[in-house]
Amino acid sequence: MTTIDTHATSAAPASAGLACVADWVTTTDHKKIGRLYLGSAAVALIGSVVVAALLAFERVDTGGTVLPIESLTQLFSIYRFGLTYVVLLPLVIGVATAVVPLQVGARSIAFPRLAAAGFWAWLIGSIVSIVSIVANGGPNGGNALFVDLFYLSCSMAIVGLLATTVSLATTILTTRAPGMNLRRVPWFTWSALVMSVALVAALPVLVGNLIYLFVGHRYPSLSEFSGNRAISDWAGFGFTQPTTAIFAIPVFGFLADTVATGTRARLTPRGSIFAAIGLVGTAVFASAVQQPVVIRSGFSALSGSDKFSDLIPFALVHVLPLIGAFLAVALTATALKKKPTVGAPLVFALFGSLLVLLGLAASALQHIGDAALMDTVFEEGAWLAVVYGGVLAGLGAVAHWGPKWWGRTMALKATLPLALLGFVGAALASVPLFIAGFADQPGGVFPSVDPGTDGVVKFEYSGPQELWNALSAIGHAVVLLTVLAFVALALRAFLKGDHAGDDPWDGQTLEWATTSPAPEYNFAEVHIVRSAEPLLDLKSSNRSDA
């Protein structure tokens, strides 16, 4: 049963509409759970980018304020929390939830009720978190009751994401088709597993800190985690790099999948690309440290032992993920020599990967003390590169796997220019902030703005400071335009577009071996896997039999 009845000739009765709503609310079908994540994240993305654009335009006028100064603290909090935990991570988890069970040949996701409960916990927690921020709670908020509410609801949202992640990881580890060992899983599935394992290690640490912050804020005498501004000190690691790089690991797997599909060849070297994607997961060690891992200022004057005490953690947290991301892109790009079919998903994946790579490189540079970039907007630029890189890849994933979910295809000629437009917008939003960071424009994960003070909107440095902030504002506006146009095209295509074949991309992996849209239990028969490209094997076998 699908959400699009291709045989309907008239409007469905009201009772059918209510039944459809009830079906989606109570569903345990991983494809619907994933699409619930995607739809909710798309709405949050539009709202968060609007807030981002408003704040960027606010920074253009360094001599005054355009928005009410009383609202700036809340807007900055919505901006950071929204794009990180209401957009990027649920977008990636949503795609993985909808795709991975199909890729591994499973009939359903493991613990489907846990995955569904995770979505509803995330959605309710996210909504309550935004409401608490608006009510002057959240990071740096002035209403004690709603500060407490933010800590609890934010924890609830993250626990929900963690619940779905556990279902996803269990699916990859335990429900693969016969013959599919971990060396044969698809690229995207491998990257989703690396992300899931890292999240299982990182997110409980963040939730634990948020609970400590709640206790410390509500009962100051019981904990050093006190005050309404403690979140940047004790939980800020969960809202910035390199932790957020964990959320974007599947971008590299999606790139490898689309390149392999475009070339219609077996992508090699397989083990090296697997290892490169795994290296990005070493960013999880930042969650164990819970503090910025930096190379101290005056590094050259330090003793040998002090240099090693700085270099080893820095290499583990920043250099290894950067090397892994670079190798994942470079090794995958070698297959482009085979002149692949260039479709919108591949272009989205390539641009998204480059942006995430840029964000990782910028994050490593930011944590070198002699660069003097800490507490500047350079950090925000790196974070935006990672977030918007993940968003671009997410849009590409919808264009790529949408036919398998809805049974209809998007207008790819209209979709392809949006990849370039989104990349230009993301670059404009982030790169000017790197320049402004070198000029010492102040920033921070959760900047505080107090009415009656200069706050974060007033700054001065030599150079065209208005230009960098204006370019960043334009970049956010371009990203917003891209997202709105993509959502409009997707809605039109998946409701009224051309019907998709079962294998519209001439793919290599098992999700293209079932019908479009895929049935509730995915496969009519269990496939035996004999290589990393099982669908190529099936096609070769069929040609031999013919």
Protein backbone atom coordinates (compact mmCIF):
# COMPACT_ATOMS: atom_id res chain seq x y z
CA MET A 1 0.00 0.00 0.00
CA THR A 2 1.50 3.36 -0.99
CA THR A 3 0.65 6.94 -0.27
CA ILE A 4 -0.10 7.48 -3.95
CA ASP A 5 -2.93 5.39 -5.35
CA THR A 6 -2.22 5.38 -9.08
CA HIS A 7 -5.63 3.84 -9.85
CA ALA A 8 -7.74 6.43 -8.06
CA THR A 9 -10.13 8.38 -10.27
CA SER A 10 -11.82 10.51 -7.65
CA ALA A 11 -11.14 12.09 -4.30
CA ALA A 12 -10.92 9.73 -1.37
CA PRO A 13 -13.66 9.96 1.26
CA ALA A 14 -12.97 11.75 4.53
CA SER A 15 -12.75 8.45 6.41
CA ALA A 16 -9.99 7.31 4.03
CA GLY A 17 -8.11 10.53 4.75
CA LEU A 18 -8.35 9.93 8.50
CA ALA A 19 -7.23 6.35 8.01
CA CYS A 20 -4.24 7.58 6.01
CA VAL A 21 -3.27 9.99 8.79
CA ALA A 22 -3.62 7.24 11.38
CA ASP A 23 -1.51 4.94 9.22
CA TRP A 24 1.33 7.47 9.08
CA VAL A 25 1.10 8.28 12.80
CA THR A 26 1.27 4.63 13.83
CA THR A 27 3.52 3.34 11.05
CA THR A 28 6.45 1.01 11.61
CA ASP A 29 7.41 0.99 7.92
CA HIS A 30 10.98 2.30 7.81
CA LYS A 31 10.34 4.09 4.50
CA LYS A 32 7.53 6.11 6.04
CA ILE A 33 9.51 6.80 9.22
CA GLY A 34 12.37 8.08 7.11
CA ARG A 35 10.05 10.30 5.09
CA LEU A 36 8.50 11.67 8.29
CA TYR A 37 11.98 12.72 9.34
CA LEU A 38 12.65 14.23 5.91
CA GLY A 39 9.39 16.19 5.76
CA SER A 40 9.79 17.58 9.27
CA ALA A 41 13.44 18.48 8.63
CA ALA A 42 12.47 20.24 5.38
CA VAL A 43 10.01 22.48 7.23
CA ALA A 44 12.61 23.17 9.92
CA LEU A 45 15.22 23.89 7.25
CA ILE A 46 13.12 26.61 5.67
CA GLY A 47 12.47 28.25 9.03
CA SER A 48 16.08 27.97 10.19
CA VAL A 49 17.50 29.44 6.98
CA VAL A 50 15.07 32.36 7.25
CA VAL A 51 16.42 33.01 10.77
CA ALA A 52 20.00 32.65 9.48
CA ALA A 53 19.38 35.19 6.74
CA LEU A 54 17.81 37.66 9.18
CA LEU A 55 20.76 37.39 11.55
CA ALA A 56 23.23 37.77 8.70
CA PHE A 57 21.49 40.93 7.48
CA GLU A 58 21.52 42.16 11.09
CA ARG A 59 25.32 41.98 11.05
CA VAL A 60 25.58 44.11 7.91
CA ASP A 61 24.63 47.23 9.84
CA THR A 62 27.38 47.37 12.44
CA GLY A 63 26.21 50.67 13.84
CA GLY A 64 22.77 49.62 15.02
CA THR A 65 20.18 46.90 15.10
CA VAL A 66 17.52 46.01 12.55
CA LEU A 67 15.83 43.31 14.64
CA PRO A 68 14.70 43.97 18.23
CA ILE A 69 17.78 43.45 20.37
CA GLU A 70 15.67 41.58 22.94
CA SER A 71 15.06 38.83 20.37
CA LEU A 72 18.63 38.32 19.18
CA THR A 73 19.65 35.84 21.88
CA GLN A 74 16.67 33.65 21.04
CA LEU A 75 17.26 33.92 17.29
CA PHE A 76 20.91 32.91 17.61
CA SER A 77 19.87 29.91 19.71
CA ILE A 78 17.20 28.83 17.21
CA TYR A 79 19.73 29.26 14.41
CA ARG A 80 22.36 27.01 16.01
CA PHE A 81 20.07 24.41 17.59
CA GLY A 82 17.70 24.36 14.62
CA LEU A 83 20.25 23.78 11.85
CA THR A 84 22.16 21.21 13.91
CA TYR A 85 19.55 19.03 15.63
CA VAL A 86 16.32 19.88 13.85
CA VAL A 87 17.72 19.91 10.30
CA LEU A 88 21.12 18.29 9.65
CA LEU A 89 21.08 15.21 11.87
CA PRO A 90 17.40 14.24 11.35
CA LEU A 91 17.80 14.82 7.61
CA VAL A 92 20.71 12.38 7.44
CA ILE A 93 19.06 9.87 9.79
CA GLY A 94 15.83 10.12 7.79
CA VAL A 95 17.54 9.27 4.51
CA ALA A 96 19.43 6.39 6.13
CA THR A 97 16.28 5.02 7.79
CA ALA A 98 14.40 5.02 4.50
CA VAL A 99 17.23 3.56 2.40
CA VAL A 100 19.53 1.29 4.42
CA PRO A 101 17.13 -1.64 5.06
CA LEU A 102 16.49 -1.75 1.31
CA GLN A 103 20.20 -1.65 0.55
CA VAL A 104 21.02 -4.57 2.85
CA GLY A 105 18.10 -6.67 1.55
CA ALA A 106 16.12 -6.59 4.81
CA ARG A 107 12.35 -6.91 5.02
CA SER A 108 12.17 -4.12 7.61
CA ILE A 109 14.27 -2.08 9.98
CA ALA A 110 15.35 -3.71 13.24
CA PHE A 111 13.23 -2.61 16.22
CA PRO A 112 10.75 -0.71 14.02
CA ARG A 113 8.70 0.53 16.98
CA LEU A 114 11.85 1.93 18.57
CA ALA A 115 12.66 3.74 15.32
CA ALA A 116 9.13 5.17 15.15
CA ALA A 117 9.17 6.15 18.82
CA GLY A 118 12.50 7.85 18.20
CA PHE A 119 10.95 10.02 15.51
CA TRP A 120 8.06 11.16 17.71
CA ALA A 121 10.37 11.81 20.68
CA TRP A 122 12.62 13.89 18.43
CA LEU A 123 9.70 15.82 16.91
CA ILE A 124 8.03 16.61 20.24
CA GLY A 125 11.34 17.44 21.90
CA SER A 126 12.36 19.72 19.02
CA ILE A 127 9.05 21.60 19.03
CA VAL A 128 9.17 22.10 22.80
CA SER A 129 12.82 23.20 22.57
CA ILE A 130 11.98 25.88 20.00
CA VAL A 131 8.99 27.03 22.07
CA SER A 132 11.17 27.28 25.18
CA ILE A 133 13.77 29.34 23.30
CA VAL A 134 11.09 31.69 21.98
CA ALA A 135 9.82 32.09 25.57
CA ASN A 136 13.25 33.44 26.59
CA GLY A 137 14.59 30.07 27.66
CA GLY A 138 17.29 28.00 26.07
CA PRO A 139 20.96 29.00 25.91
CA ASN A 140 21.56 32.35 27.64
CA GLY A 141 17.83 32.70 28.26
CA GLY A 142 16.40 34.89 30.99
CA ASN A 143 13.35 32.84 31.99
CA ALA A 144 14.52 30.18 34.45
CA LEU A 145 11.52 27.92 33.92
CA PHE A 146 11.99 27.81 30.15
CA VAL A 147 15.76 27.39 30.47
CA ASP A 148 15.02 24.21 32.44
CA LEU A 149 12.46 23.19 29.84
CA PHE A 150 14.99 23.63 27.06
CA TYR A 151 17.53 21.36 28.77
CA LEU A 152 14.94 18.61 29.19
CA SER A 153 13.29 18.92 25.77
CA CYS A 154 16.63 19.14 23.97
CA SER A 155 17.66 15.95 25.77
CA MET A 156 14.40 14.33 24.67
CA ALA A 157 14.98 15.28 21.03
CA ILE A 158 18.52 13.89 21.06
CA VAL A 159 17.42 10.67 22.79
CA GLY A 160 14.82 10.26 20.02
CA LEU A 161 17.50 10.59 17.35
CA LEU A 162 19.65 8.12 19.28
CA ALA A 163 16.79 5.59 19.42
CA THR A 164 16.38 5.62 15.64
CA THR A 165 20.16 5.43 15.25
CA VAL A 166 20.26 2.27 17.39
CA SER A 167 17.61 0.68 15.15
CA LEU A 168 19.61 1.68 12.09
CA ALA A 169 22.91 0.27 13.38
CA THR A 170 21.23 -2.96 14.49
CA THR A 171 19.71 -3.37 11.04
CA ILE A 172 23.10 -3.11 9.35
CA LEU A 173 24.74 -5.50 11.78
CA THR A 174 22.05 -8.18 12.05
CA THR A 175 19.52 -8.18 9.17
CA ARG A 176 21.69 -8.22 6.04
CA ALA A 177 20.75 -10.51 3.17
CA PRO A 178 22.51 -13.91 3.05
CA GLY A 179 26.04 -13.52 1.74
CA MET A 180 26.27 -9.77 2.46
CA ASN A 181 29.14 -9.41 4.89
CA LEU A 182 30.39 -6.01 6.02
CA ARG A 183 32.89 -5.91 3.14
CA ARG A 184 29.98 -6.13 0.70
CA VAL A 185 27.58 -3.57 2.14
CA PRO A 186 26.86 -0.57 -0.11
CA TRP A 187 28.88 2.60 0.34
CA PHE A 188 26.03 4.57 1.85
CA THR A 189 25.21 1.76 4.27
CA TRP A 190 28.83 1.61 5.43
CA SER A 191 28.93 5.36 6.02
CA ALA A 192 25.61 5.16 7.91
CA LEU A 193 27.11 2.44 10.14
CA VAL A 194 30.19 4.55 10.89
CA MET A 195 27.97 7.51 11.74
CA SER A 196 25.66 5.37 13.89
CA VAL A 197 28.49 3.90 15.96
CA ALA A 198 29.95 7.38 16.47
CA LEU A 199 26.54 8.78 17.48
CA VAL A 200 25.99 5.97 19.98
CA ALA A 201 29.26 7.03 21.59
CA ALA A 202 28.79 10.83 21.33
CA LEU A 203 25.12 11.60 21.91
CA PRO A 204 24.81 9.99 25.39
CA VAL A 205 27.69 12.20 26.54
CA LEU A 206 25.86 15.29 25.31
CA VAL A 207 22.59 14.19 26.91
CA GLY A 208 24.37 13.53 30.18
CA ASN A 209 25.84 17.02 30.15
CA LEU A 210 22.44 18.54 29.41
CA ILE A 211 20.95 16.68 32.38
CA TYR A 212 23.79 17.95 34.57
CA LEU A 213 23.08 21.46 33.30
CA PHE A 214 19.41 21.07 34.19
CA VAL A 215 20.26 19.94 37.71
CA GLY A 216 22.88 22.65 38.13
CA HIS A 217 20.55 25.37 36.88
CA ARG A 218 17.61 24.23 38.99
CA TYR A 219 19.65 23.44 42.11
CA PRO A 220 22.80 25.63 41.95
CA SER A 221 24.15 24.40 45.28
CA LEU A 222 24.35 20.80 44.03
CA SER A 223 26.50 21.26 40.94
CA GLU A 224 29.16 23.41 39.32
CA PHE A 225 27.08 23.17 36.12
CA SER A 226 25.10 26.25 37.08
CA GLY A 227 23.83 29.42 35.45
CA ASN A 228 21.80 29.98 32.33
CA ARG A 229 24.92 30.51 30.22
CA ALA A 230 26.73 27.30 31.12
CA ILE A 231 25.66 25.44 27.99
CA SER A 232 28.43 26.92 25.82
CA ASP A 233 31.06 25.82 28.34
CA TRP A 234 29.73 22.35 29.14
CA ALA A 235 27.69 21.25 26.11
CA GLY A 236 28.94 23.53 23.34
CA PHE A 237 31.02 20.66 21.90
CA GLY A 238 27.77 19.06 20.71
CA PHE A 239 26.83 22.04 18.54
CA THR A 240 30.08 22.69 16.71
CA GLN A 241 32.98 20.98 14.98
CA PRO A 242 34.28 18.35 14.99
CA THR A 243 31.20 16.71 16.58
CA THR A 244 28.91 17.98 13.82
CA ALA A 245 31.22 16.39 11.24
CA ILE A 246 29.99 13.02 12.52
CA PHE A 247 26.49 13.94 11.32
CA ALA A 248 27.78 14.44 7.77
CA ILE A 249 29.71 11.17 7.38
CA PRO A 250 27.00 9.61 5.14
CA VAL A 251 27.62 12.41 2.62
CA PHE A 252 30.78 10.58 1.54
CA GLY A 253 28.98 7.26 1.24
CA PHE A 254 26.29 8.90 -0.87
CA LEU A 255 28.97 10.34 -3.15
CA ALA A 256 30.50 6.89 -3.68
CA ASP A 257 27.07 5.39 -4.36
CA THR A 258 26.14 7.98 -6.98
CA VAL A 259 29.54 7.81 -8.68
CA ALA A 260 29.35 4.01 -8.87
CA THR A 261 25.81 4.22 -10.24
CA GLY A 262 26.80 6.88 -12.76
CA THR A 263 29.79 4.91 -14.07
CA ARG A 264 27.84 1.62 -14.11
CA ALA A 265 31.04 -0.09 -13.00
CA ARG A 266 32.38 -1.71 -9.85
CA LEU A 267 34.01 1.10 -7.90
CA THR A 268 37.52 0.39 -6.58
CA PRO A 269 39.58 0.49 -4.39
CA ARG A 270 36.79 -0.61 -2.07
CA GLY A 271 38.75 -1.24 1.12
CA SER A 272 40.58 2.09 0.89
CA ILE A 273 37.35 4.06 0.55
CA PHE A 274 35.84 2.14 3.47
CA ALA A 275 38.88 2.98 5.59
CA ALA A 276 38.76 6.65 4.55
CA ILE A 277 35.11 6.97 5.56
CA GLY A 278 35.91 5.21 8.83
CA LEU A 279 38.67 7.73 9.57
CA VAL A 280 36.13 10.56 9.55
CA GLY A 281 34.48 8.82 12.48
CA THR A 282 37.52 9.52 14.69
CA ALA A 283 35.99 12.96 15.20
CA VAL A 284 33.92 11.23 17.89
CA PHE A 285 36.85 11.55 20.28
CA ALA A 286 35.99 15.25 20.60
CA SER A 287 32.91 14.15 22.56
CA ALA A 288 35.10 12.25 24.99
CA VAL A 289 37.24 15.33 25.63
CA GLN A 290 34.21 17.70 25.72
CA GLN A 291 36.53 20.68 25.33
CA PRO A 292 38.22 22.25 22.29
CA VAL A 293 41.30 20.24 21.32
CA VAL A 294 43.80 22.90 20.30
CA ILE A 295 47.44 23.49 19.51
CA ARG A 296 48.37 26.18 21.98
CA SER A 297 49.60 29.62 20.99
CA GLY A 298 53.37 29.89 20.98
CA PHE A 299 53.64 26.23 19.96
CA SER A 300 57.20 26.57 18.66
CA ALA A 301 58.40 27.69 22.10
CA LEU A 302 56.92 24.67 23.93
CA SER A 303 59.05 21.80 25.16
CA GLY A 304 59.12 18.53 23.24
CA SER A 305 56.75 16.75 25.65
CA ASP A 306 54.30 19.66 25.58
CA LYS A 307 54.35 19.63 21.78
CA PHE A 308 53.49 15.95 21.72
CA SER A 309 50.73 16.47 24.29
CA ASP A 310 49.18 18.98 21.89
CA LEU A 311 49.87 17.24 18.58
CA ILE A 312 48.61 13.75 19.40
CA PRO A 313 45.07 14.75 20.53
CA PHE A 314 44.90 17.35 17.73
CA ALA A 315 45.81 14.75 15.13
CA LEU A 316 43.27 12.28 16.49
CA VAL A 317 40.38 14.73 16.66
CA HIS A 318 41.06 17.04 13.71
CA VAL A 319 43.72 15.69 11.33
CA LEU A 320 42.52 12.10 10.93
CA PRO A 321 38.91 13.07 10.09
CA LEU A 322 40.24 15.64 7.60
CA ILE A 323 42.53 13.07 5.96
CA GLY A 324 39.67 10.57 5.84
CA ALA A 325 37.32 13.05 4.19
CA PHE A 326 39.95 14.08 1.66
CA LEU A 327 40.77 10.49 0.75
CA ALA A 328 37.09 9.55 0.51
CA VAL A 329 36.52 12.33 -2.03
CA ALA A 330 39.82 11.81 -3.89
CA LEU A 331 39.55 8.02 -4.18
CA THR A 332 35.93 8.23 -5.29
CA ALA A 333 36.77 10.95 -7.80
CA THR A 334 39.23 8.64 -9.56
CA ALA A 335 36.21 6.74 -10.91
CA LEU A 336 35.02 9.91 -12.64
CA LYS A 337 37.61 9.21 -15.34
CA LYS A 338 35.18 6.58 -16.62
CA LYS A 339 32.87 9.40 -17.80
CA PRO A 340 29.82 8.72 -15.65
CA THR A 341 26.32 9.82 -16.48
CA VAL A 342 26.09 13.17 -14.71
CA GLY A 343 22.74 13.43 -12.99
CA ALA A 344 21.45 15.79 -10.33
CA PRO A 345 22.09 13.36 -7.42
CA LEU A 346 25.77 13.01 -8.35
CA VAL A 347 26.25 16.78 -8.59
CA PHE A 348 24.48 17.33 -5.26
CA ALA A 349 26.67 14.64 -3.67
CA LEU A 350 29.91 16.07 -5.08
CA PHE A 351 29.17 19.64 -3.98
CA GLY A 352 27.98 18.46 -0.57
CA SER A 353 31.17 16.44 -0.04
CA LEU A 354 33.38 19.36 -1.00
CA LEU A 355 31.58 21.62 1.47
CA VAL A 356 31.95 19.12 4.32
CA LEU A 357 35.63 18.73 3.43
CA LEU A 358 35.99 22.52 3.55
CA GLY A 359 34.30 22.63 6.95
CA LEU A 360 36.66 20.00 8.36
CA ALA A 361 39.72 21.82 7.03
CA ALA A 362 38.50 25.12 8.46
CA SER A 363 37.77 23.48 11.82
CA ALA A 364 41.32 22.13 12.03
CA LEU A 365 42.74 25.56 11.22
CA GLN A 366 40.49 27.22 13.76
CA HIS A 367 41.90 25.06 16.56
CA ILE A 368 45.50 26.14 15.91
CA GLY A 369 46.16 28.69 18.61
CA ASP A 370 48.54 30.88 16.62
CA ALA A 371 45.84 31.44 14.01
CA ALA A 372 43.85 33.34 16.70
CA LEU A 373 40.49 32.25 15.27
CA MET A 374 38.77 30.94 18.40
CA ASP A 375 35.71 32.93 19.47
CA THR A 376 35.37 34.50 16.02
CA VAL A 377 32.82 33.92 13.26
CA PHE A 378 35.37 31.66 11.57
CA GLU A 379 33.87 28.83 13.65
CA GLU A 380 30.41 29.68 12.34
CA GLY A 381 31.69 29.56 8.77
CA ALA A 382 33.11 26.07 9.30
CA TRP A 383 29.86 24.91 10.92
CA LEU A 384 27.79 26.31 8.05
CA ALA A 385 29.98 24.53 5.49
CA VAL A 386 29.32 21.20 7.23
CA VAL A 387 25.60 21.86 7.70
CA TYR A 388 24.92 23.08 4.19
CA GLY A 389 27.10 20.31 2.75
CA GLY A 390 24.87 17.80 4.52
CA VAL A 391 21.76 19.61 3.34
CA LEU A 392 22.87 19.56 -0.31
CA ALA A 393 23.62 15.85 -0.09
CA GLY A 394 20.23 15.32 1.54
CA LEU A 395 18.48 17.05 -1.35
CA GLY A 396 20.44 14.88 -3.77
CA ALA A 397 19.44 11.77 -1.82
CA VAL A 398 15.76 12.66 -2.16
CA ALA A 399 16.21 13.09 -5.93
CA HIS A 400 18.12 9.79 -6.11
CA TRP A 401 15.97 7.52 -3.93
CA GLY A 402 12.65 9.37 -4.20
CA PRO A 403 11.49 7.14 -7.09
CA LYS A 404 11.90 4.09 -4.83
CA TRP A 405 9.80 5.71 -2.07
CA TRP A 406 7.08 7.37 -4.12
CA GLY A 407 7.25 5.55 -7.44
CA ARG A 408 7.67 8.77 -9.41
CA THR A 409 10.69 10.68 -10.71
CA MET A 410 11.69 14.32 -10.38
CA ALA A 411 12.32 16.55 -13.39
CA LEU A 412 16.09 16.15 -13.39
CA LYS A 413 16.74 18.90 -15.94
CA ALA A 414 15.07 21.35 -13.58
CA THR A 415 16.73 19.84 -10.50
CA LEU A 416 20.32 19.86 -11.76
CA PRO A 417 20.76 23.70 -11.76
CA LEU A 418 19.58 23.75 -8.13
CA ALA A 419 22.70 21.81 -7.13
CA LEU A 420 24.91 24.56 -8.53
CA LEU A 421 22.71 27.29 -7.07
CA GLY A 422 22.75 25.66 -3.64
CA PHE A 423 26.52 25.24 -3.73
CA VAL A 424 27.02 28.91 -4.62
CA GLY A 425 24.67 29.94 -1.81
CA ALA A 426 26.39 27.71 0.75
CA ALA A 427 29.82 29.00 -0.28
CA LEU A 428 28.63 32.61 -0.02
CA ALA A 429 27.12 31.94 3.41
CA SER A 430 30.27 30.37 4.86
CA VAL A 431 33.44 31.56 3.10
CA PRO A 432 33.03 35.32 3.84
CA LEU A 433 32.83 34.41 7.52
CA PHE A 434 36.29 32.85 7.24
CA ILE A 435 37.63 36.21 6.07
CA ALA A 436 35.70 38.05 8.79
CA GLY A 437 37.12 35.59 11.33
CA PHE A 438 40.68 36.44 10.33
CA ALA A 439 39.67 40.08 10.87
CA ASP A 440 38.57 39.17 14.43
CA GLN A 441 34.82 39.60 14.03
CA PRO A 442 33.45 38.11 17.28
CA GLY A 443 31.32 35.02 17.26
CA GLY A 444 30.63 31.98 19.39
CA VAL A 445 28.47 28.86 19.48
CA PHE A 446 25.74 30.58 21.52
CA PRO A 447 26.55 34.31 21.58
CA SER A 448 24.84 36.34 24.26
CA VAL A 449 23.17 39.65 23.53
CA ASP A 450 22.14 41.85 26.44
CA PRO A 451 19.73 44.74 25.84
CA GLY A 452 21.42 48.05 26.41
CA THR A 453 24.92 46.79 25.58
CA ASP A 454 26.89 46.59 22.38
CA GLY A 455 26.37 42.82 22.25
CA VAL A 456 27.54 40.74 19.33
CA VAL A 457 25.99 42.90 16.64
CA LYS A 458 28.43 45.75 17.17
CA PHE A 459 32.00 45.25 16.04
CA GLU A 460 34.62 47.10 14.10
CA TYR A 461 37.70 46.06 12.17
CA SER A 462 39.66 47.33 9.22
CA GLY A 463 38.43 46.21 5.82
CA PRO A 464 35.01 45.98 4.20
CA GLN A 465 33.24 44.37 7.18
CA GLU A 466 29.82 45.16 5.74
CA LEU A 467 30.78 43.35 2.51
CA TRP A 468 31.60 40.01 4.18
CA ASN A 469 28.40 40.00 6.20
CA ALA A 470 26.31 41.13 3.24
CA LEU A 471 27.73 38.29 1.11
CA SER A 472 26.94 35.81 3.88
CA ALA A 473 23.38 37.14 4.09
CA ILE A 474 22.97 36.80 0.32
CA GLY A 475 24.31 33.25 0.57
CA HIS A 476 21.64 32.30 3.09
CA ALA A 477 19.00 33.85 0.87
CA VAL A 478 20.25 31.82 -2.12
CA VAL A 479 20.17 28.62 -0.04
CA LEU A 480 16.60 29.44 0.98
CA LEU A 481 15.63 29.96 -2.66
CA THR A 482 17.26 26.62 -3.56
CA VAL A 483 15.41 24.74 -0.84
CA LEU A 484 12.05 26.29 -1.70
CA ALA A 485 12.48 25.51 -5.40
CA PHE A 486 13.59 21.94 -4.65
CA VAL A 487 10.66 21.29 -2.30
CA ALA A 488 8.24 22.65 -4.91
CA LEU A 489 9.73 20.42 -7.61
CA ALA A 490 9.71 17.39 -5.32
CA LEU A 491 6.08 17.86 -4.28
CA ARG A 492 4.97 18.30 -7.86
CA ALA A 493 6.99 15.32 -9.07
CA PHE A 494 6.07 12.85 -6.35
CA LEU A 495 2.38 13.73 -6.55
CA LYS A 496 1.94 14.14 -10.31
CA GLY A 497 5.26 13.28 -11.95
CA ASP A 498 6.12 10.51 -14.37
CA HIS A 499 6.03 6.98 -13.05
CA ALA A 500 9.45 5.56 -12.26
CA GLY A 501 10.70 2.19 -13.35
CA ASP A 502 11.91 -0.26 -10.76
CA ASP A 503 15.53 0.60 -11.65
CA PRO A 504 15.55 4.12 -13.12
CA TRP A 505 19.31 4.63 -12.54
CA ASP A 506 20.50 1.21 -13.73
CA GLY A 507 21.79 0.73 -10.20
CA GLN A 508 24.07 -1.82 -8.55
CA THR A 509 22.56 -2.33 -5.11
CA LEU A 510 19.54 -4.22 -3.82
CA GLU A 511 17.15 -1.31 -3.34
CA TRP A 512 16.73 -1.24 -7.12
CA ALA A 513 15.84 -4.94 -7.22
CA THR A 514 12.34 -4.36 -5.84
CA THR A 515 9.36 -2.50 -7.24
CA SER A 516 8.90 1.26 -7.25
CA PRO A 517 7.43 2.26 -4.88
CA ALA A 518 8.80 -0.45 -2.64
CA PRO A 519 6.17 -2.56 -0.85
CA GLU A 520 5.81 -2.42 2.91
CA TYR A 521 8.00 -5.49 3.40
CA ASN A 522 10.49 -4.39 0.74
CA PHE A 523 11.17 -7.66 -1.11
CA ALA A 524 9.00 -10.47 -2.39
CA GLU A 525 11.97 -12.84 -2.15
CA VAL A 526 15.24 -12.96 -0.24
CA HIS A 527 18.24 -12.29 -2.47
CA ILE A 528 21.51 -14.20 -2.12
CA VAL A 529 24.46 -11.80 -2.30
CA ARG A 530 27.69 -12.92 -3.94
CA SER A 531 29.52 -9.61 -4.37
CA ALA A 532 29.43 -5.96 -3.36
CA GLU A 533 27.28 -5.19 -6.41
CA PRO A 534 24.48 -7.78 -6.14
CA LEU A 535 22.18 -6.17 -8.70
CA LEU A 536 24.94 -6.24 -11.32
CA ASP A 537 25.27 -9.95 -10.62
CA LEU A 538 21.53 -10.46 -11.05
CA LYS A 539 21.55 -8.57 -14.33
CA SER A 540 24.53 -10.56 -15.61
CA SER A 541 22.81 -13.80 -14.62
CA ASN A 542 19.62 -12.79 -16.42
CA ARG A 543 21.57 -11.92 -19.57
CA SER A 544 23.37 -15.28 -19.44
CA ASP A 545 20.08 -17.16 -19.04
CA ALA A 546 18.63 -15.29 -22.01
